[in-house]
Amino acid sequence: MTSASPHPNSPSTPRFPVVVVGAGPAGLTVGNILRAAGVDCLVLETETREFIEQRPRAGVIEEWAVRGLEQRGLAQNLLERAQRHTQCEFRFGGQRHRFSYTELTGHHHYVYPQPLLVTDLVREYADVRGGEIRFGVRDVELHDLDTDRPAVSYTDPETGQRQLVHGDFVAGCDGARGVSRAAIPAERARTARHDYGIGWLALLAEAPPSSDCVLFGVHPRGFAGHMARSPEVTRYYLECPPGDDPSDWPDDRVWSELQHRLAATGAPPLTEGRLIEKRVLDMHNYVVEPMVFGRLYLAGDAAHLTAPIAAKGMNLALHDAFLLGDALVAHLTRGESAGLGDYSEACLGRVWEYQEFSRWLSEVYHGASSGDPYLAGTTLARLRRVFQSPSAGLAFAESYLGKDPAG
């Protein structure tokens, strides 16, 4: 929520040029960019450090995003440890169709689980660059955002006391359920939403990957996905009704459906293992326009949610963070305000591009299981065109990989 700050003129109230709400990839990247430029900031996070360093999340990072991290001194571990993916495989009609996107474009994906990236970013920000961070804060509130003295208040987890912090700017990087997005008055921003009307059962298996690349199963019984996370852990997805209860999916049923939906001539059975995560995601997207209200700048899922259909969420968060961090540094150290003025528009171009691709890919993934013979037929026609037409294949590869913003 947003409100007038309590005791706004107290001389004892701490002040930071930037207060960052949320310690995910976006917030920590912004914090690291600021600290590298000698700008003080405070990061506030409602969870513990241990929790954010272990929370299962996305793992696909686009090549341009890795280069952006590398340019800012934030990619050493990633470059040493990440897997490089150069192709993916669609399975439909009982056949395997390998798509080598690196051959078409010269570019590839990195697979580096988000918890590892967050661990790297926290260590760099707090332990190396000396950034201020508070974990486990509660009841965060944003104040006076449409003035030149915005503030953030929160309950200290150790003392139980309310704390107030002033800043010149607030970076709202606290995700879809955080307070930042809700702090923008409804009449000052438009939120565009899209509900796909489907669910995905998200699974983590203690089992080595069953393929050397990502697998997409387009099947009349529902979509299935296979994505390596490490040599010992594999991410799987199963299409299911929205709102399904994970308890309705015992392990035997999960593996039976995965084996069936990802079966193809010449493909060995999946390697099974203990399921260590099982939750249902209702597929939906939203976009907040503009991504700015007064001195509040939204980044990542606080500004836009992209369902994991196209693995774009973390990449969009990093794109926002690069633009916002650089723009804040330019303003605070050199008095240049163009980057902050253009921030929302610069972000939203890529956001809408990725939203459109996510919707297109959803139609491909889920058309065969729609129950509509017409949609099923057009889905297979789309897939065949990707493999039979070089220009269609290149267009898909560019969207799947994500084009370099500097390109």
Protein backbone atom coordinates (compact mmCIF):
# COMPACT_ATOMS: atom_id res chain seq x y z
CA MET A 1 0.00 0.00 0.00
CA THR A 2 1.03 3.64 -0.34
CA SER A 3 0.37 6.40 2.14
CA ALA A 4 1.91 9.47 3.73
CA SER A 5 5.00 8.46 5.70
CA PRO A 6 4.86 8.61 9.49
CA HIS A 7 7.21 11.13 11.11
CA PRO A 8 8.50 12.31 7.71
CA ASN A 9 10.81 14.99 9.09
CA SER A 10 12.53 13.04 11.85
CA PRO A 11 16.30 13.78 11.70
CA SER A 12 17.05 10.23 12.82
CA THR A 13 15.32 8.61 9.86
CA PRO A 14 17.93 6.82 7.69
CA ARG A 15 18.15 7.83 4.06
CA PHE A 16 19.46 6.02 1.00
CA PRO A 17 19.54 7.27 -2.58
CA VAL A 18 17.67 4.11 -3.60
CA VAL A 19 15.55 1.67 -1.62
CA VAL A 20 15.11 -1.65 -3.44
CA VAL A 21 12.10 -3.73 -2.41
CA GLY A 22 12.71 -7.39 -3.20
CA ALA A 23 15.86 -9.52 -3.43
CA GLY A 24 15.18 -11.54 -6.56
CA PRO A 25 17.24 -11.35 -9.76
CA ALA A 26 15.89 -7.89 -10.62
CA GLY A 27 16.37 -6.27 -7.21
CA LEU A 28 19.80 -7.77 -6.60
CA THR A 29 21.02 -6.82 -10.07
CA VAL A 30 19.87 -3.24 -9.57
CA GLY A 31 21.59 -3.20 -6.17
CA ASN A 32 24.84 -4.54 -7.62
CA ILE A 33 24.86 -1.97 -10.43
CA LEU A 34 24.36 0.82 -7.89
CA ARG A 35 27.09 -0.45 -5.55
CA ALA A 36 29.55 -0.85 -8.41
CA ALA A 37 29.05 2.86 -9.13
CA GLY A 38 29.49 3.81 -5.48
CA VAL A 39 25.80 4.57 -4.94
CA ASP A 40 24.38 3.54 -1.55
CA CYS A 41 21.15 1.60 -1.50
CA LEU A 42 19.13 -0.58 0.83
CA VAL A 43 17.54 -3.87 -0.26
CA LEU A 44 14.54 -5.13 1.71
CA GLU A 45 13.43 -8.75 1.43
CA THR A 46 10.55 -10.46 3.24
CA GLU A 47 12.13 -13.93 3.08
CA THR A 48 15.34 -15.17 4.68
CA ARG A 49 18.63 -15.37 2.81
CA GLU A 50 18.54 -19.16 3.06
CA PHE A 51 15.07 -19.26 1.52
CA ILE A 52 15.81 -17.13 -1.54
CA GLU A 53 19.03 -19.05 -2.18
CA GLN A 54 17.10 -22.33 -2.31
CA ARG A 55 13.70 -21.38 -3.79
CA PRO A 56 13.10 -23.39 -7.00
CA ARG A 57 12.60 -21.08 -9.95
CA ALA A 58 13.49 -20.67 -13.62
CA GLY A 59 16.74 -21.84 -15.12
CA VAL A 60 16.92 -20.67 -18.75
CA ILE A 61 18.96 -17.50 -19.31
CA GLU A 62 19.28 -15.96 -22.74
CA GLU A 63 22.71 -15.25 -24.16
CA TRP A 64 22.32 -11.45 -24.25
CA ALA A 65 21.28 -11.50 -20.56
CA VAL A 66 24.40 -13.45 -19.61
CA ARG A 67 26.53 -10.94 -21.51
CA GLY A 68 24.82 -8.14 -19.61
CA LEU A 69 25.64 -9.82 -16.31
CA GLU A 70 29.20 -10.44 -17.47
CA GLN A 71 29.70 -6.78 -18.39
CA ARG A 72 28.69 -5.87 -14.83
CA GLY A 73 30.97 -8.40 -13.16
CA LEU A 74 28.12 -10.70 -12.15
CA ALA A 75 28.57 -13.81 -14.31
CA GLN A 76 31.79 -15.52 -13.22
CA ASN A 77 30.17 -18.55 -11.57
CA LEU A 78 27.47 -18.73 -14.20
CA LEU A 79 29.97 -18.90 -17.06
CA GLU A 80 31.98 -21.56 -15.24
CA ARG A 81 29.06 -23.77 -14.23
CA ALA A 82 26.11 -23.22 -16.56
CA GLN A 83 25.10 -25.70 -19.22
CA ARG A 84 24.92 -24.44 -22.79
CA HIS A 85 21.93 -25.56 -24.82
CA THR A 86 22.02 -25.39 -28.59
CA GLN A 87 18.90 -27.28 -29.60
CA CYS A 88 15.50 -28.45 -28.43
CA GLU A 89 13.24 -31.30 -29.45
CA PHE A 90 9.53 -31.37 -30.17
CA ARG A 91 7.73 -34.66 -29.89
CA PHE A 92 4.39 -34.98 -31.67
CA GLY A 93 2.64 -37.65 -33.66
CA GLY A 94 4.84 -40.23 -31.95
CA GLN A 95 7.97 -38.82 -33.64
CA ARG A 96 11.02 -36.83 -32.54
CA HIS A 97 11.79 -33.54 -34.26
CA ARG A 98 15.13 -32.00 -33.28
CA PHE A 99 15.49 -28.24 -33.76
CA SER A 100 19.10 -26.97 -33.79
CA TYR A 101 18.65 -23.25 -33.21
CA THR A 102 22.35 -22.54 -32.76
CA GLU A 103 23.01 -23.80 -36.29
CA LEU A 104 20.47 -21.27 -37.57
CA THR A 105 21.49 -18.27 -35.48
CA GLY A 106 24.94 -18.84 -33.95
CA HIS A 107 23.44 -18.26 -30.50
CA HIS A 108 22.53 -20.52 -27.60
CA HIS A 109 20.82 -20.69 -24.20
CA TYR A 110 22.42 -21.02 -20.80
CA VAL A 111 20.80 -23.19 -18.14
CA TYR A 112 21.64 -21.95 -14.65
CA PRO A 113 18.99 -22.40 -11.95
CA GLN A 114 17.74 -19.14 -10.49
CA PRO A 115 18.68 -20.10 -6.90
CA LEU A 116 22.32 -20.29 -7.98
CA LEU A 117 22.12 -16.92 -9.70
CA VAL A 118 20.45 -15.37 -6.65
CA THR A 119 23.15 -16.87 -4.41
CA ASP A 120 25.82 -15.29 -6.61
CA LEU A 121 24.07 -11.91 -6.67
CA VAL A 122 23.49 -11.83 -2.90
CA ARG A 123 27.11 -12.70 -2.20
CA GLU A 124 28.39 -10.06 -4.61
CA TYR A 125 26.04 -7.37 -3.32
CA ALA A 126 26.26 -7.97 0.42
CA ASP A 127 29.58 -9.71 1.00
CA VAL A 128 31.79 -8.25 -1.73
CA ARG A 129 30.35 -4.84 -2.57
CA GLY A 130 29.18 -4.08 0.97
CA GLY A 131 25.56 -3.36 0.12
CA GLU A 132 22.98 -2.95 2.88
CA ILE A 133 20.28 -5.63 2.94
CA ARG A 134 17.58 -6.60 5.44
CA PHE A 135 16.12 -10.08 5.30
CA GLY A 136 12.85 -11.28 6.85
CA VAL A 137 11.22 -7.85 7.02
CA ARG A 138 7.44 -7.80 7.48
CA ASP A 139 4.51 -5.52 6.65
CA VAL A 140 6.36 -3.43 4.06
CA GLU A 141 4.57 -0.20 3.09
CA LEU A 142 5.47 2.44 0.52
CA HIS A 143 4.85 6.13 1.22
CA ASP A 144 4.87 9.49 -0.59
CA LEU A 145 5.78 7.97 -3.92
CA ASP A 146 4.50 10.95 -5.88
CA THR A 147 6.75 13.37 -3.98
CA ASP A 148 10.50 13.96 -4.02
CA ARG A 149 10.80 12.28 -0.60
CA PRO A 150 9.45 8.74 -1.00
CA ALA A 151 9.80 6.38 1.95
CA VAL A 152 9.47 2.72 2.84
CA SER A 153 8.45 1.39 6.24
CA TYR A 154 8.67 -2.16 7.55
CA THR A 155 8.66 -4.21 10.73
CA ASP A 156 12.09 -5.32 11.89
CA PRO A 157 12.00 -9.11 12.38
CA GLU A 158 14.37 -9.02 15.36
CA THR A 159 12.90 -6.16 17.39
CA GLY A 160 9.33 -6.12 16.13
CA GLN A 161 9.64 -2.34 15.79
CA ARG A 162 8.48 -0.32 12.79
CA GLN A 163 11.34 1.18 10.80
CA LEU A 164 11.15 4.03 8.28
CA VAL A 165 13.64 4.65 5.49
CA HIS A 166 13.68 7.62 3.10
CA GLY A 167 15.08 7.45 -0.41
CA ASP A 168 15.30 9.48 -3.56
CA PHE A 169 13.90 6.53 -5.52
CA VAL A 170 12.18 3.22 -4.80
CA ALA A 171 12.82 0.20 -7.04
CA GLY A 172 9.85 -2.15 -6.77
CA CYS A 173 11.27 -5.60 -7.50
CA ASP A 174 9.14 -7.71 -5.16
CA GLY A 175 7.29 -9.86 -7.66
CA ALA A 176 3.68 -10.56 -8.48
CA ARG A 177 2.48 -10.70 -4.88
CA GLY A 178 4.56 -7.85 -3.48
CA VAL A 179 3.45 -4.45 -2.29
CA SER A 180 5.06 -2.38 -5.06
CA ARG A 181 2.60 -3.09 -7.85
CA ALA A 182 -0.34 -2.58 -5.47
CA ALA A 183 1.08 0.80 -4.44
CA ILE A 184 0.25 2.35 -7.82
CA PRO A 185 -3.26 3.88 -7.75
CA ALA A 186 -5.59 2.11 -10.17
CA GLU A 187 -6.25 5.32 -12.08
CA ARG A 188 -2.52 5.90 -12.67
CA ALA A 189 -1.73 2.63 -14.47
CA ARG A 190 -3.42 0.11 -16.71
CA THR A 191 -3.00 -3.60 -16.03
CA ALA A 192 -3.58 -5.78 -19.08
CA ARG A 193 -4.27 -9.43 -18.25
CA HIS A 194 -4.58 -12.70 -20.12
CA ASP A 195 -5.70 -16.02 -18.63
CA TYR A 196 -4.83 -19.08 -20.69
CA GLY A 197 -7.45 -21.25 -19.00
CA ILE A 198 -4.97 -24.08 -18.41
CA GLY A 199 -2.74 -25.29 -15.61
CA TRP A 200 0.72 -26.79 -15.50
CA LEU A 201 1.81 -29.26 -12.88
CA ALA A 202 5.36 -28.10 -12.12
CA LEU A 203 7.67 -30.90 -10.99
CA LEU A 204 11.27 -31.28 -9.87
CA ALA A 205 12.64 -34.79 -10.01
CA GLU A 206 15.76 -36.14 -8.34
CA ALA A 207 16.65 -37.83 -11.59
CA PRO A 208 19.26 -37.11 -14.27
CA PRO A 209 17.96 -35.55 -17.47
CA SER A 210 16.59 -38.04 -19.96
CA SER A 211 17.76 -36.02 -22.95
CA ASP A 212 20.65 -33.72 -23.84
CA CYS A 213 18.17 -30.94 -24.63
CA VAL A 214 14.79 -29.50 -23.71
CA LEU A 215 11.83 -31.66 -24.74
CA PHE A 216 8.38 -30.37 -25.66
CA GLY A 217 5.67 -33.02 -25.87
CA VAL A 218 2.63 -31.87 -27.89
CA HIS A 219 0.08 -34.58 -27.17
CA PRO A 220 -3.71 -35.02 -27.29
CA ARG A 221 -3.65 -35.81 -23.54
CA GLY A 222 -1.86 -32.55 -22.78
CA PHE A 223 1.47 -30.81 -23.05
CA ALA A 224 4.55 -32.22 -21.29
CA GLY A 225 7.93 -30.59 -20.88
CA HIS A 226 11.40 -31.79 -19.86
CA MET A 227 14.14 -29.30 -18.90
CA ALA A 228 17.50 -30.19 -17.36
CA ARG A 229 18.38 -28.24 -14.22
CA SER A 230 21.57 -30.05 -13.22
CA PRO A 231 23.19 -33.45 -13.80
CA GLU A 232 21.07 -34.77 -10.90
CA VAL A 233 17.81 -32.79 -11.15
CA THR A 234 15.26 -32.40 -13.95
CA ARG A 235 12.32 -30.01 -14.27
CA TYR A 236 9.14 -31.45 -15.75
CA TYR A 237 5.79 -29.91 -16.60
CA LEU A 238 2.44 -31.56 -17.24
CA GLU A 239 -0.60 -29.76 -18.57
CA CYS A 240 -3.54 -30.14 -16.19
CA PRO A 241 -6.83 -28.38 -15.42
CA PRO A 242 -6.33 -24.99 -13.73
CA GLY A 243 -6.75 -25.17 -9.99
CA ASP A 244 -5.95 -28.88 -9.88
CA ASP A 245 -4.83 -30.21 -6.50
CA PRO A 246 -1.25 -31.57 -6.57
CA SER A 247 -2.41 -34.34 -4.23
CA ASP A 248 -4.49 -35.67 -7.13
CA TRP A 249 -1.20 -36.40 -8.87
CA PRO A 250 0.53 -39.24 -7.00
CA ASP A 251 4.00 -40.08 -8.25
CA ASP A 252 2.87 -43.14 -10.19
CA ARG A 253 0.32 -41.09 -12.12
CA VAL A 254 2.86 -38.34 -12.82
CA TRP A 255 5.45 -40.70 -14.26
CA SER A 256 2.85 -42.62 -16.25
CA GLU A 257 1.65 -39.40 -17.91
CA LEU A 258 5.17 -38.12 -18.53
CA GLN A 259 6.24 -41.41 -20.10
CA HIS A 260 3.12 -41.43 -22.30
CA ARG A 261 3.15 -37.79 -23.43
CA LEU A 262 6.90 -37.71 -24.14
CA ALA A 263 7.07 -41.11 -25.83
CA ALA A 264 8.40 -41.17 -29.39
CA THR A 265 9.85 -43.69 -31.80
CA GLY A 266 13.49 -44.34 -30.96
CA ALA A 267 13.36 -42.42 -27.68
CA PRO A 268 14.35 -44.32 -24.53
CA PRO A 269 12.00 -44.19 -21.53
CA LEU A 270 12.44 -41.29 -19.13
CA THR A 271 14.71 -41.86 -16.14
CA GLU A 272 12.46 -41.70 -13.10
CA GLY A 273 13.29 -40.49 -9.61
CA ARG A 274 11.89 -38.99 -6.42
CA LEU A 275 9.68 -35.95 -6.98
CA ILE A 276 10.89 -33.17 -4.68
CA GLU A 277 8.49 -30.48 -5.90
CA LYS A 278 4.91 -30.74 -7.09
CA ARG A 279 2.72 -27.65 -7.53
CA VAL A 280 0.07 -26.43 -9.95
CA LEU A 281 0.60 -23.18 -11.85
CA ASP A 282 -2.39 -21.47 -13.43
CA MET A 283 -1.12 -19.99 -16.69
CA HIS A 284 -1.75 -16.26 -16.91
CA ASN A 285 0.07 -13.09 -17.91
CA TYR A 286 -0.23 -9.42 -17.03
CA VAL A 287 1.48 -6.15 -17.95
CA VAL A 288 1.41 -2.91 -15.95
CA GLU A 289 1.64 0.28 -18.02
CA PRO A 290 3.44 2.50 -17.28
CA MET A 291 6.00 0.80 -15.04
CA VAL A 292 6.57 4.06 -13.15
CA PHE A 293 4.60 6.03 -10.57
CA GLY A 294 6.28 9.11 -9.20
CA ARG A 295 9.59 7.95 -7.70
CA LEU A 296 8.59 4.26 -7.83
CA TYR A 297 10.05 2.20 -10.67
CA LEU A 298 8.78 -1.36 -11.12
CA ALA A 299 10.98 -4.16 -12.43
CA GLY A 300 10.50 -7.88 -13.06
CA ASP A 301 7.31 -9.67 -12.06
CA ALA A 302 6.12 -6.61 -10.13
CA ALA A 303 5.60 -4.99 -13.53
CA HIS A 304 4.78 -7.91 -15.79
CA LEU A 305 4.18 -11.61 -15.42
CA THR A 306 4.93 -14.01 -18.24
CA ALA A 307 3.77 -17.57 -17.70
CA PRO A 308 6.66 -20.09 -17.88
CA ILE A 309 5.44 -21.21 -21.31
CA ALA A 310 8.39 -19.57 -23.08
CA ALA A 311 10.89 -19.30 -20.18
CA LYS A 312 11.02 -15.51 -20.46
CA GLY A 313 10.31 -14.25 -16.93
CA MET A 314 13.84 -14.12 -15.47
CA ASN A 315 15.21 -12.71 -18.72
CA LEU A 316 12.71 -9.86 -18.67
CA ALA A 317 13.57 -9.19 -15.03
CA LEU A 318 17.26 -8.88 -15.93
CA HIS A 319 16.49 -6.62 -18.89
CA ASP A 320 14.51 -4.29 -16.60
CA ALA A 321 17.28 -4.35 -14.01
CA PHE A 322 20.01 -3.44 -16.48
CA LEU A 323 18.01 -0.47 -17.76
CA LEU A 324 16.89 0.69 -14.32
CA GLY A 325 20.26 0.26 -12.62
CA ASP A 326 22.09 2.10 -15.39
CA ALA A 327 19.47 4.88 -15.47
CA LEU A 328 19.64 5.40 -11.69
CA VAL A 329 23.44 5.55 -11.79
CA ALA A 330 23.34 8.07 -14.63
CA HIS A 331 20.91 10.28 -12.71
CA LEU A 332 22.50 10.02 -9.29
CA THR A 333 26.13 10.36 -10.36
CA ARG A 334 25.96 12.52 -13.48
CA GLY A 335 22.60 14.26 -13.30
CA GLU A 336 21.42 12.61 -16.53
CA SER A 337 17.69 11.84 -16.45
CA ALA A 338 16.96 10.57 -19.96
CA GLY A 339 17.27 6.92 -18.94
CA LEU A 340 14.74 7.27 -16.13
CA GLY A 341 12.38 9.17 -18.41
CA ASP A 342 12.53 6.50 -21.09
CA TYR A 343 12.64 3.53 -18.71
CA SER A 344 9.06 2.28 -18.96
CA GLU A 345 8.82 2.58 -22.73
CA ALA A 346 12.21 0.92 -23.21
CA CYS A 347 11.19 -2.03 -21.05
CA LEU A 348 7.70 -2.49 -22.46
CA GLY A 349 8.85 -2.99 -26.04
CA ARG A 350 10.57 -6.23 -25.07
CA VAL A 351 7.85 -7.15 -22.58
CA TRP A 352 5.13 -7.11 -25.22
CA GLU A 353 7.34 -8.95 -27.71
CA TYR A 354 7.83 -11.76 -25.20
CA GLN A 355 4.15 -11.74 -24.25
CA GLU A 356 3.18 -12.26 -27.88
CA PHE A 357 5.63 -15.13 -28.30
CA SER A 358 4.38 -16.73 -25.10
CA ARG A 359 0.82 -16.67 -26.40
CA TRP A 360 1.88 -18.05 -29.80
CA LEU A 361 3.82 -20.85 -28.16
CA SER A 362 0.91 -21.65 -25.85
CA GLU A 363 -1.28 -22.25 -28.87
CA VAL A 364 1.36 -24.63 -30.22
CA TYR A 365 1.79 -26.48 -26.93
CA HIS A 366 -1.89 -26.81 -26.09
CA GLY A 367 -3.72 -26.96 -29.41
CA ALA A 368 -3.48 -30.74 -29.69
CA SER A 369 -5.14 -31.20 -26.28
CA SER A 370 -7.83 -28.53 -26.75
CA GLY A 371 -10.48 -31.03 -27.77
CA ASP A 372 -11.04 -29.01 -30.95
CA PRO A 373 -10.01 -30.92 -34.10
CA TYR A 374 -9.54 -27.64 -35.99
CA LEU A 375 -7.10 -26.24 -33.40
CA ALA A 376 -5.30 -29.57 -33.26
CA GLY A 377 -4.88 -29.56 -37.03
CA THR A 378 -3.59 -25.98 -37.21
CA THR A 379 -1.20 -26.67 -34.34
CA LEU A 380 0.45 -29.50 -36.24
CA ALA A 381 0.59 -27.32 -39.36
CA ARG A 382 2.47 -24.64 -37.41
CA LEU A 383 4.94 -27.16 -36.09
CA ARG A 384 5.56 -28.70 -39.50
CA ARG A 385 6.19 -25.24 -40.95
CA VAL A 386 8.87 -24.53 -38.33
CA PHE A 387 10.73 -27.65 -39.44
CA GLN A 388 10.07 -27.42 -43.18
CA SER A 389 10.51 -23.69 -43.85
CA PRO A 390 13.95 -22.14 -43.19
CA SER A 391 12.43 -18.67 -42.78
CA ALA A 392 9.79 -19.94 -40.33
CA GLY A 393 12.48 -21.85 -38.45
CA LEU A 394 14.67 -18.76 -38.20
CA ALA A 395 11.77 -16.62 -36.97
CA PHE A 396 10.97 -19.17 -34.28
CA ALA A 397 14.62 -19.46 -33.28
CA GLU A 398 15.00 -15.69 -32.88
CA SER A 399 11.94 -15.44 -30.65
CA TYR A 400 12.85 -18.55 -28.68
CA LEU A 401 16.39 -17.30 -28.02
CA GLY A 402 15.50 -13.65 -27.48
CA LYS A 403 17.15 -11.00 -29.62
CA ASP A 404 20.05 -9.01 -28.20
CA PRO A 405 18.77 -5.52 -27.23
CA ALA A 406 22.04 -4.10 -28.59
CA GLY A 407 21.71 -5.98 -31.85
